[in-house]
Amino acid sequence: AASLYVSALIHGEKRTQREVADVAGVTEVTIRNRYKELLEKLDLEKDIKKIKKRKKK
């Protein structure tokens, strides 16, 4: 489920953790925790930060 959330962020699809959690049948906390793990393990933190900065402009 967290991988879907990360993919949505990368591809500019606006999805909340709640939306993904509901569809996947898990909690927002699970999404949040796995999301953090994915960013660390796949070294995506810099990429996600860049994407979030672009969205704010």
PDB file of N, CA and C in Angstrom:
ATOM      1  N   ALA A   1       0.824  -1.188   0.000  1.00  0.00           N
ATOM      2  CA  ALA A   1       0.000   0.000   0.000  1.00  0.00           C
ATOM      3  C   ALA A   1       0.869   1.254   0.000  1.00  0.00           C
ATOM      4  N   ALA A   2       1.946   1.220   0.768  1.00  0.00           N
ATOM      5  CA  ALA A   2       2.834   2.384   0.814  1.00  0.00           C
ATOM      6  C   ALA A   2       3.505   2.615  -0.534  1.00  0.00           C
ATOM      7  N   SER A   3       3.777   1.543  -1.248  1.00  0.00           N
ATOM      8  CA  SER A   3       4.389   1.699  -2.573  1.00  0.00           C
ATOM      9  C   SER A   3       3.420   2.399  -3.526  1.00  0.00           C
ATOM     10  N   LEU A   4       2.136   2.145  -3.382  1.00  0.00           N
ATOM     11  CA  LEU A   4       1.135   2.852  -4.187  1.00  0.00           C
ATOM     12  C   LEU A   4       1.113   4.336  -3.831  1.00  0.00           C
ATOM     13  N   TYR A   5       1.231   4.625  -2.561  1.00  0.00           N
ATOM     14  CA  TYR A   5       1.254   6.010  -2.108  1.00  0.00           C
ATOM     15  C   TYR A   5       2.480   6.736  -2.670  1.00  0.00           C
ATOM     16  N   VAL A   6       3.645   6.098  -2.597  1.00  0.00           N
ATOM     17  CA  VAL A   6       4.874   6.683  -3.138  1.00  0.00           C
ATOM     18  C   VAL A   6       4.736   6.892  -4.642  1.00  0.00           C
ATOM     19  N   SER A   7       4.211   5.911  -5.323  1.00  0.00           N
ATOM     20  CA  SER A   7       4.017   6.020  -6.768  1.00  0.00           C
ATOM     21  C   SER A   7       3.097   7.190  -7.115  1.00  0.00           C
ATOM     22  N   ALA A   8       2.037   7.348  -6.362  1.00  0.00           N
ATOM     23  CA  ALA A   8       1.118   8.466  -6.597  1.00  0.00           C
ATOM     24  C   ALA A   8       1.838   9.799  -6.429  1.00  0.00           C
ATOM     25  N   LEU A   9       2.666   9.910  -5.404  1.00  0.00           N
ATOM     26  CA  LEU A   9       3.426  11.141  -5.192  1.00  0.00           C
ATOM     27  C   LEU A   9       4.361  11.418  -6.363  1.00  0.00           C
ATOM     28  N   ILE A  10       5.085  10.393  -6.777  1.00  0.00           N
ATOM     29  CA  ILE A  10       6.058  10.544  -7.860  1.00  0.00           C
ATOM     30  C   ILE A  10       5.382  10.964  -9.159  1.00  0.00           C
ATOM     31  N   HIS A  11       4.202  10.435  -9.405  1.00  0.00           N
ATOM     32  CA  HIS A  11       3.520  10.689 -10.675  1.00  0.00           C
ATOM     33  C   HIS A  11       2.496  11.824 -10.611  1.00  0.00           C
ATOM     34  N   GLY A  12       2.504  12.560  -9.500  1.00  0.00           N
ATOM     35  CA  GLY A  12       1.653  13.735  -9.393  1.00  0.00           C
ATOM     36  C   GLY A  12       0.181  13.460  -9.168  1.00  0.00           C
ATOM     37  N   GLU A  13      -0.146  12.244  -8.757  1.00  0.00           N
ATOM     38  CA  GLU A  13      -1.539  11.903  -8.435  1.00  0.00           C
ATOM     39  C   GLU A  13      -1.806  12.296  -6.990  1.00  0.00           C
ATOM     40  N   LYS A  14      -2.761  13.164  -6.788  1.00  0.00           N
ATOM     41  CA  LYS A  14      -3.065  13.600  -5.428  1.00  0.00           C
ATOM     42  C   LYS A  14      -3.891  12.539  -4.718  1.00  0.00           C
ATOM     43  N   ARG A  15      -3.258  11.846  -3.818  1.00  0.00           N
ATOM     44  CA  ARG A  15      -3.924  10.833  -2.996  1.00  0.00           C
ATOM     45  C   ARG A  15      -3.445  11.016  -1.561  1.00  0.00           C
ATOM     46  N   THR A  16      -4.367  10.977  -0.634  1.00  0.00           N
ATOM     47  CA  THR A  16      -3.978  11.085   0.773  1.00  0.00           C
ATOM     48  C   THR A  16      -3.622   9.702   1.307  1.00  0.00           C
ATOM     49  N   GLN A  17      -2.925   9.713   2.420  1.00  0.00           N
ATOM     50  CA  GLN A  17      -2.618   8.441   3.074  1.00  0.00           C
ATOM     51  C   GLN A  17      -3.915   7.748   3.467  1.00  0.00           C
ATOM     52  N   ARG A  18      -4.906   8.512   3.879  1.00  0.00           N
ATOM     53  CA  ARG A  18      -6.210   7.951   4.262  1.00  0.00           C
ATOM     54  C   ARG A  18      -6.859   7.247   3.079  1.00  0.00           C
ATOM     55  N   GLU A  19      -6.852   7.868   1.893  1.00  0.00           N
ATOM     56  CA  GLU A  19      -7.457   7.255   0.706  1.00  0.00           C
ATOM     57  C   GLU A  19      -6.788   5.924   0.376  1.00  0.00           C
ATOM     58  N   VAL A  20      -5.470   5.927   0.379  1.00  0.00           N
ATOM     59  CA  VAL A  20      -4.731   4.702   0.061  1.00  0.00           C
ATOM     60  C   VAL A  20      -4.985   3.648   1.127  1.00  0.00           C
ATOM     61  N   ALA A  21      -4.975   4.054   2.384  1.00  0.00           N
ATOM     62  CA  ALA A  21      -5.212   3.119   3.487  1.00  0.00           C
ATOM     63  C   ALA A  21      -6.594   2.478   3.382  1.00  0.00           C
ATOM     64  N   ASP A  22      -7.605   3.279   3.081  1.00  0.00           N
ATOM     65  CA  ASP A  22      -8.970   2.755   2.963  1.00  0.00           C
ATOM     66  C   ASP A  22      -9.075   1.713   1.852  1.00  0.00           C
ATOM     67  N   VAL A  23      -8.508   2.024   0.705  1.00  0.00           N
ATOM     68  CA  VAL A  23      -8.573   1.103  -0.436  1.00  0.00           C
ATOM     69  C   VAL A  23      -7.787  -0.177  -0.151  1.00  0.00           C
ATOM     70  N   ALA A  24      -6.652  -0.031   0.531  1.00  0.00           N
ATOM     71  CA  ALA A  24      -5.793  -1.183   0.804  1.00  0.00           C
ATOM     72  C   ALA A  24      -6.233  -1.980   2.033  1.00  0.00           C
ATOM     73  N   GLY A  25      -7.120  -1.406   2.831  1.00  0.00           N
ATOM     74  CA  GLY A  25      -7.578  -2.106   4.026  1.00  0.00           C
ATOM     75  C   GLY A  25      -6.565  -2.110   5.156  1.00  0.00           C
ATOM     76  N   VAL A  26      -5.778  -1.031   5.239  1.00  0.00           N
ATOM     77  CA  VAL A  26      -4.810  -0.884   6.328  1.00  0.00           C
ATOM     78  C   VAL A  26      -5.041   0.482   6.972  1.00  0.00           C
ATOM     79  N   THR A  27      -4.285   0.786   8.014  1.00  0.00           N
ATOM     80  CA  THR A  27      -4.437   2.075   8.683  1.00  0.00           C
ATOM     81  C   THR A  27      -3.483   3.109   8.085  1.00  0.00           C
ATOM     82  N   GLU A  28      -3.783   4.379   8.360  1.00  0.00           N
ATOM     83  CA  GLU A  28      -2.884   5.457   7.936  1.00  0.00           C
ATOM     84  C   GLU A  28      -1.513   5.299   8.588  1.00  0.00           C
ATOM     85  N   VAL A  29      -1.496   4.819   9.803  1.00  0.00           N
ATOM     86  CA  VAL A  29      -0.230   4.617  10.514  1.00  0.00           C
ATOM     87  C   VAL A  29       0.632   3.601   9.770  1.00  0.00           C
ATOM     88  N   THR A  30       0.009   2.542   9.271  1.00  0.00           N
ATOM     89  CA  THR A  30       0.742   1.539   8.500  1.00  0.00           C
ATOM     90  C   THR A  30       1.324   2.170   7.242  1.00  0.00           C
ATOM     91  N   ILE A  31       0.513   2.945   6.533  1.00  0.00           N
ATOM     92  CA  ILE A  31       1.000   3.627   5.327  1.00  0.00           C
ATOM     93  C   ILE A  31       2.185   4.516   5.688  1.00  0.00           C
ATOM     94  N   ARG A  32       2.029   5.318   6.717  1.00  0.00           N
ATOM     95  CA  ARG A  32       3.071   6.257   7.135  1.00  0.00           C
ATOM     96  C   ARG A  32       4.365   5.535   7.502  1.00  0.00           C
ATOM     97  N   ASN A  33       4.265   4.466   8.286  1.00  0.00           N
ATOM     98  CA  ASN A  33       5.462   3.735   8.709  1.00  0.00           C
ATOM     99  C   ASN A  33       6.157   3.046   7.541  1.00  0.00           C
ATOM    100  N   ARG A  34       5.385   2.389   6.686  1.00  0.00           N
ATOM    101  CA  ARG A  34       5.983   1.719   5.522  1.00  0.00           C
ATOM    102  C   ARG A  34       6.536   2.732   4.525  1.00  0.00           C
ATOM    103  N   TYR A  35       5.869   3.880   4.406  1.00  0.00           N
ATOM    104  CA  TYR A  35       6.328   4.967   3.533  1.00  0.00           C
ATOM    105  C   TYR A  35       7.722   5.415   3.970  1.00  0.00           C
ATOM    106  N   LYS A  36       7.895   5.640   5.258  1.00  0.00           N
ATOM    107  CA  LYS A  36       9.199   6.050   5.784  1.00  0.00           C
ATOM    108  C   LYS A  36      10.254   4.988   5.506  1.00  0.00           C
ATOM    109  N   GLU A  37       9.897   3.724   5.698  1.00  0.00           N
ATOM    110  CA  GLU A  37      10.834   2.629   5.428  1.00  0.00           C
ATOM    111  C   GLU A  37      11.235   2.593   3.959  1.00  0.00           C
ATOM    112  N   LEU A  38      10.260   2.738   3.072  1.00  0.00           N
ATOM    113  CA  LEU A  38      10.550   2.726   1.635  1.00  0.00           C
ATOM    114  C   LEU A  38      11.492   3.862   1.255  1.00  0.00           C
ATOM    115  N   LEU A  39      11.234   5.046   1.774  1.00  0.00           N
ATOM    116  CA  LEU A  39      12.099   6.178   1.455  1.00  0.00           C
ATOM    117  C   LEU A  39      13.534   5.910   1.881  1.00  0.00           C
ATOM    118  N   GLU A  40      13.698   5.340   3.058  1.00  0.00           N
ATOM    119  CA  GLU A  40      15.040   5.044   3.563  1.00  0.00           C
ATOM    120  C   GLU A  40      15.705   3.918   2.772  1.00  0.00           C
ATOM    121  N   LYS A  41      15.009   2.813   2.612  1.00  0.00           N
ATOM    122  CA  LYS A  41      15.593   1.627   1.964  1.00  0.00           C
ATOM    123  C   LYS A  41      15.902   1.851   0.489  1.00  0.00           C
ATOM    124  N   LEU A  42      15.045   2.620  -0.192  1.00  0.00           N
ATOM    125  CA  LEU A  42      15.226   2.843  -1.628  1.00  0.00           C
ATOM    126  C   LEU A  42      15.897   4.181  -1.925  1.00  0.00           C
ATOM    127  N   ASP A  43      16.329   4.861  -0.868  1.00  0.00           N
ATOM    128  CA  ASP A  43      17.020   6.143  -0.995  1.00  0.00           C
ATOM    129  C   ASP A  43      16.210   7.132  -1.839  1.00  0.00           C
ATOM    130  N   LEU A  44      14.944   7.271  -1.514  1.00  0.00           N
ATOM    131  CA  LEU A  44      14.041   8.135  -2.271  1.00  0.00           C
ATOM    132  C   LEU A  44      13.761   9.469  -1.585  1.00  0.00           C
ATOM    133  N   GLU A  45      14.360   9.687  -0.434  1.00  0.00           N
ATOM    134  CA  GLU A  45      14.033  10.883   0.340  1.00  0.00           C
ATOM    135  C   GLU A  45      14.282  12.171  -0.441  1.00  0.00           C
ATOM    136  N   LYS A  46      15.424  12.267  -1.109  1.00  0.00           N
ATOM    137  CA  LYS A  46      15.744  13.477  -1.874  1.00  0.00           C
ATOM    138  C   LYS A  46      14.771  13.659  -3.027  1.00  0.00           C
ATOM    139  N   ASP A  47      14.451  12.573  -3.714  1.00  0.00           N
ATOM    140  CA  ASP A  47      13.530  12.650  -4.849  1.00  0.00           C
ATOM    141  C   ASP A  47      12.151  13.131  -4.417  1.00  0.00           C
ATOM    142  N   ILE A  48      11.644  12.584  -3.339  1.00  0.00           N
ATOM    143  CA  ILE A  48      10.315  12.960  -2.850  1.00  0.00           C
ATOM    144  C   ILE A  48      10.308  14.422  -2.400  1.00  0.00           C
ATOM    145  N   LYS A  49      11.383  14.862  -1.744  1.00  0.00           N
ATOM    146  CA  LYS A  49      11.458  16.262  -1.311  1.00  0.00           C
ATOM    147  C   LYS A  49      11.430  17.199  -2.516  1.00  0.00           C
ATOM    148  N   LYS A  50      12.145  16.842  -3.585  1.00  0.00           N
ATOM    149  CA  LYS A  50      12.147  17.663  -4.803  1.00  0.00           C
ATOM    150  C   LYS A  50      10.747  17.737  -5.400  1.00  0.00           C
ATOM    151  N   ILE A  51      10.070  16.613  -5.445  1.00  0.00           N
ATOM    152  CA  ILE A  51       8.717  16.555  -6.003  1.00  0.00           C
ATOM    153  C   ILE A  51       7.766  17.418  -5.179  1.00  0.00           C
ATOM    154  N   LYS A  52       7.854  17.318  -3.869  1.00  0.00           N
ATOM    155  CA  LYS A  52       6.979  18.106  -3.001  1.00  0.00           C
ATOM    156  C   LYS A  52       7.252  19.602  -3.154  1.00  0.00           C
ATOM    157  N   LYS A  53       8.531  19.983  -3.335  1.00  0.00           N
ATOM    158  CA  LYS A  53       8.868  21.393  -3.535  1.00  0.00           C
ATOM    159  C   LYS A  53       8.266  21.906  -4.839  1.00  0.00           C
ATOM    160  N   ARG A  54       8.331  21.105  -5.890  1.00  0.00           N
ATOM    161  CA  ARG A  54       7.776  21.506  -7.185  1.00  0.00           C
ATOM    162  C   ARG A  54       6.274  21.722  -7.092  1.00  0.00           C
ATOM    163  N   LYS A  55       5.606  20.898  -6.318  1.00  0.00           N
ATOM    164  CA  LYS A  55       4.150  21.000  -6.176  1.00  0.00           C
ATOM    165  C   LYS A  55       3.747  22.290  -5.467  1.00  0.00           C
ATOM    166  N   LYS A  56       4.592  22.773  -4.562  1.00  0.00           N
ATOM    167  CA  LYS A  56       4.265  23.972  -3.794  1.00  0.00           C
ATOM    168  C   LYS A  56       4.368  25.236  -4.642  1.00  0.00           C
ATOM    169  N   LYS A  57       5.106  25.194  -5.716  1.00  0.00           N
ATOM    170  CA  LYS A  57       5.306  26.382  -6.566  1.00  0.00           C
ATOM    171  C   LYS A  57       4.101  26.699  -7.386  1.00  0.00           C
TER     172      LYS A  57
END
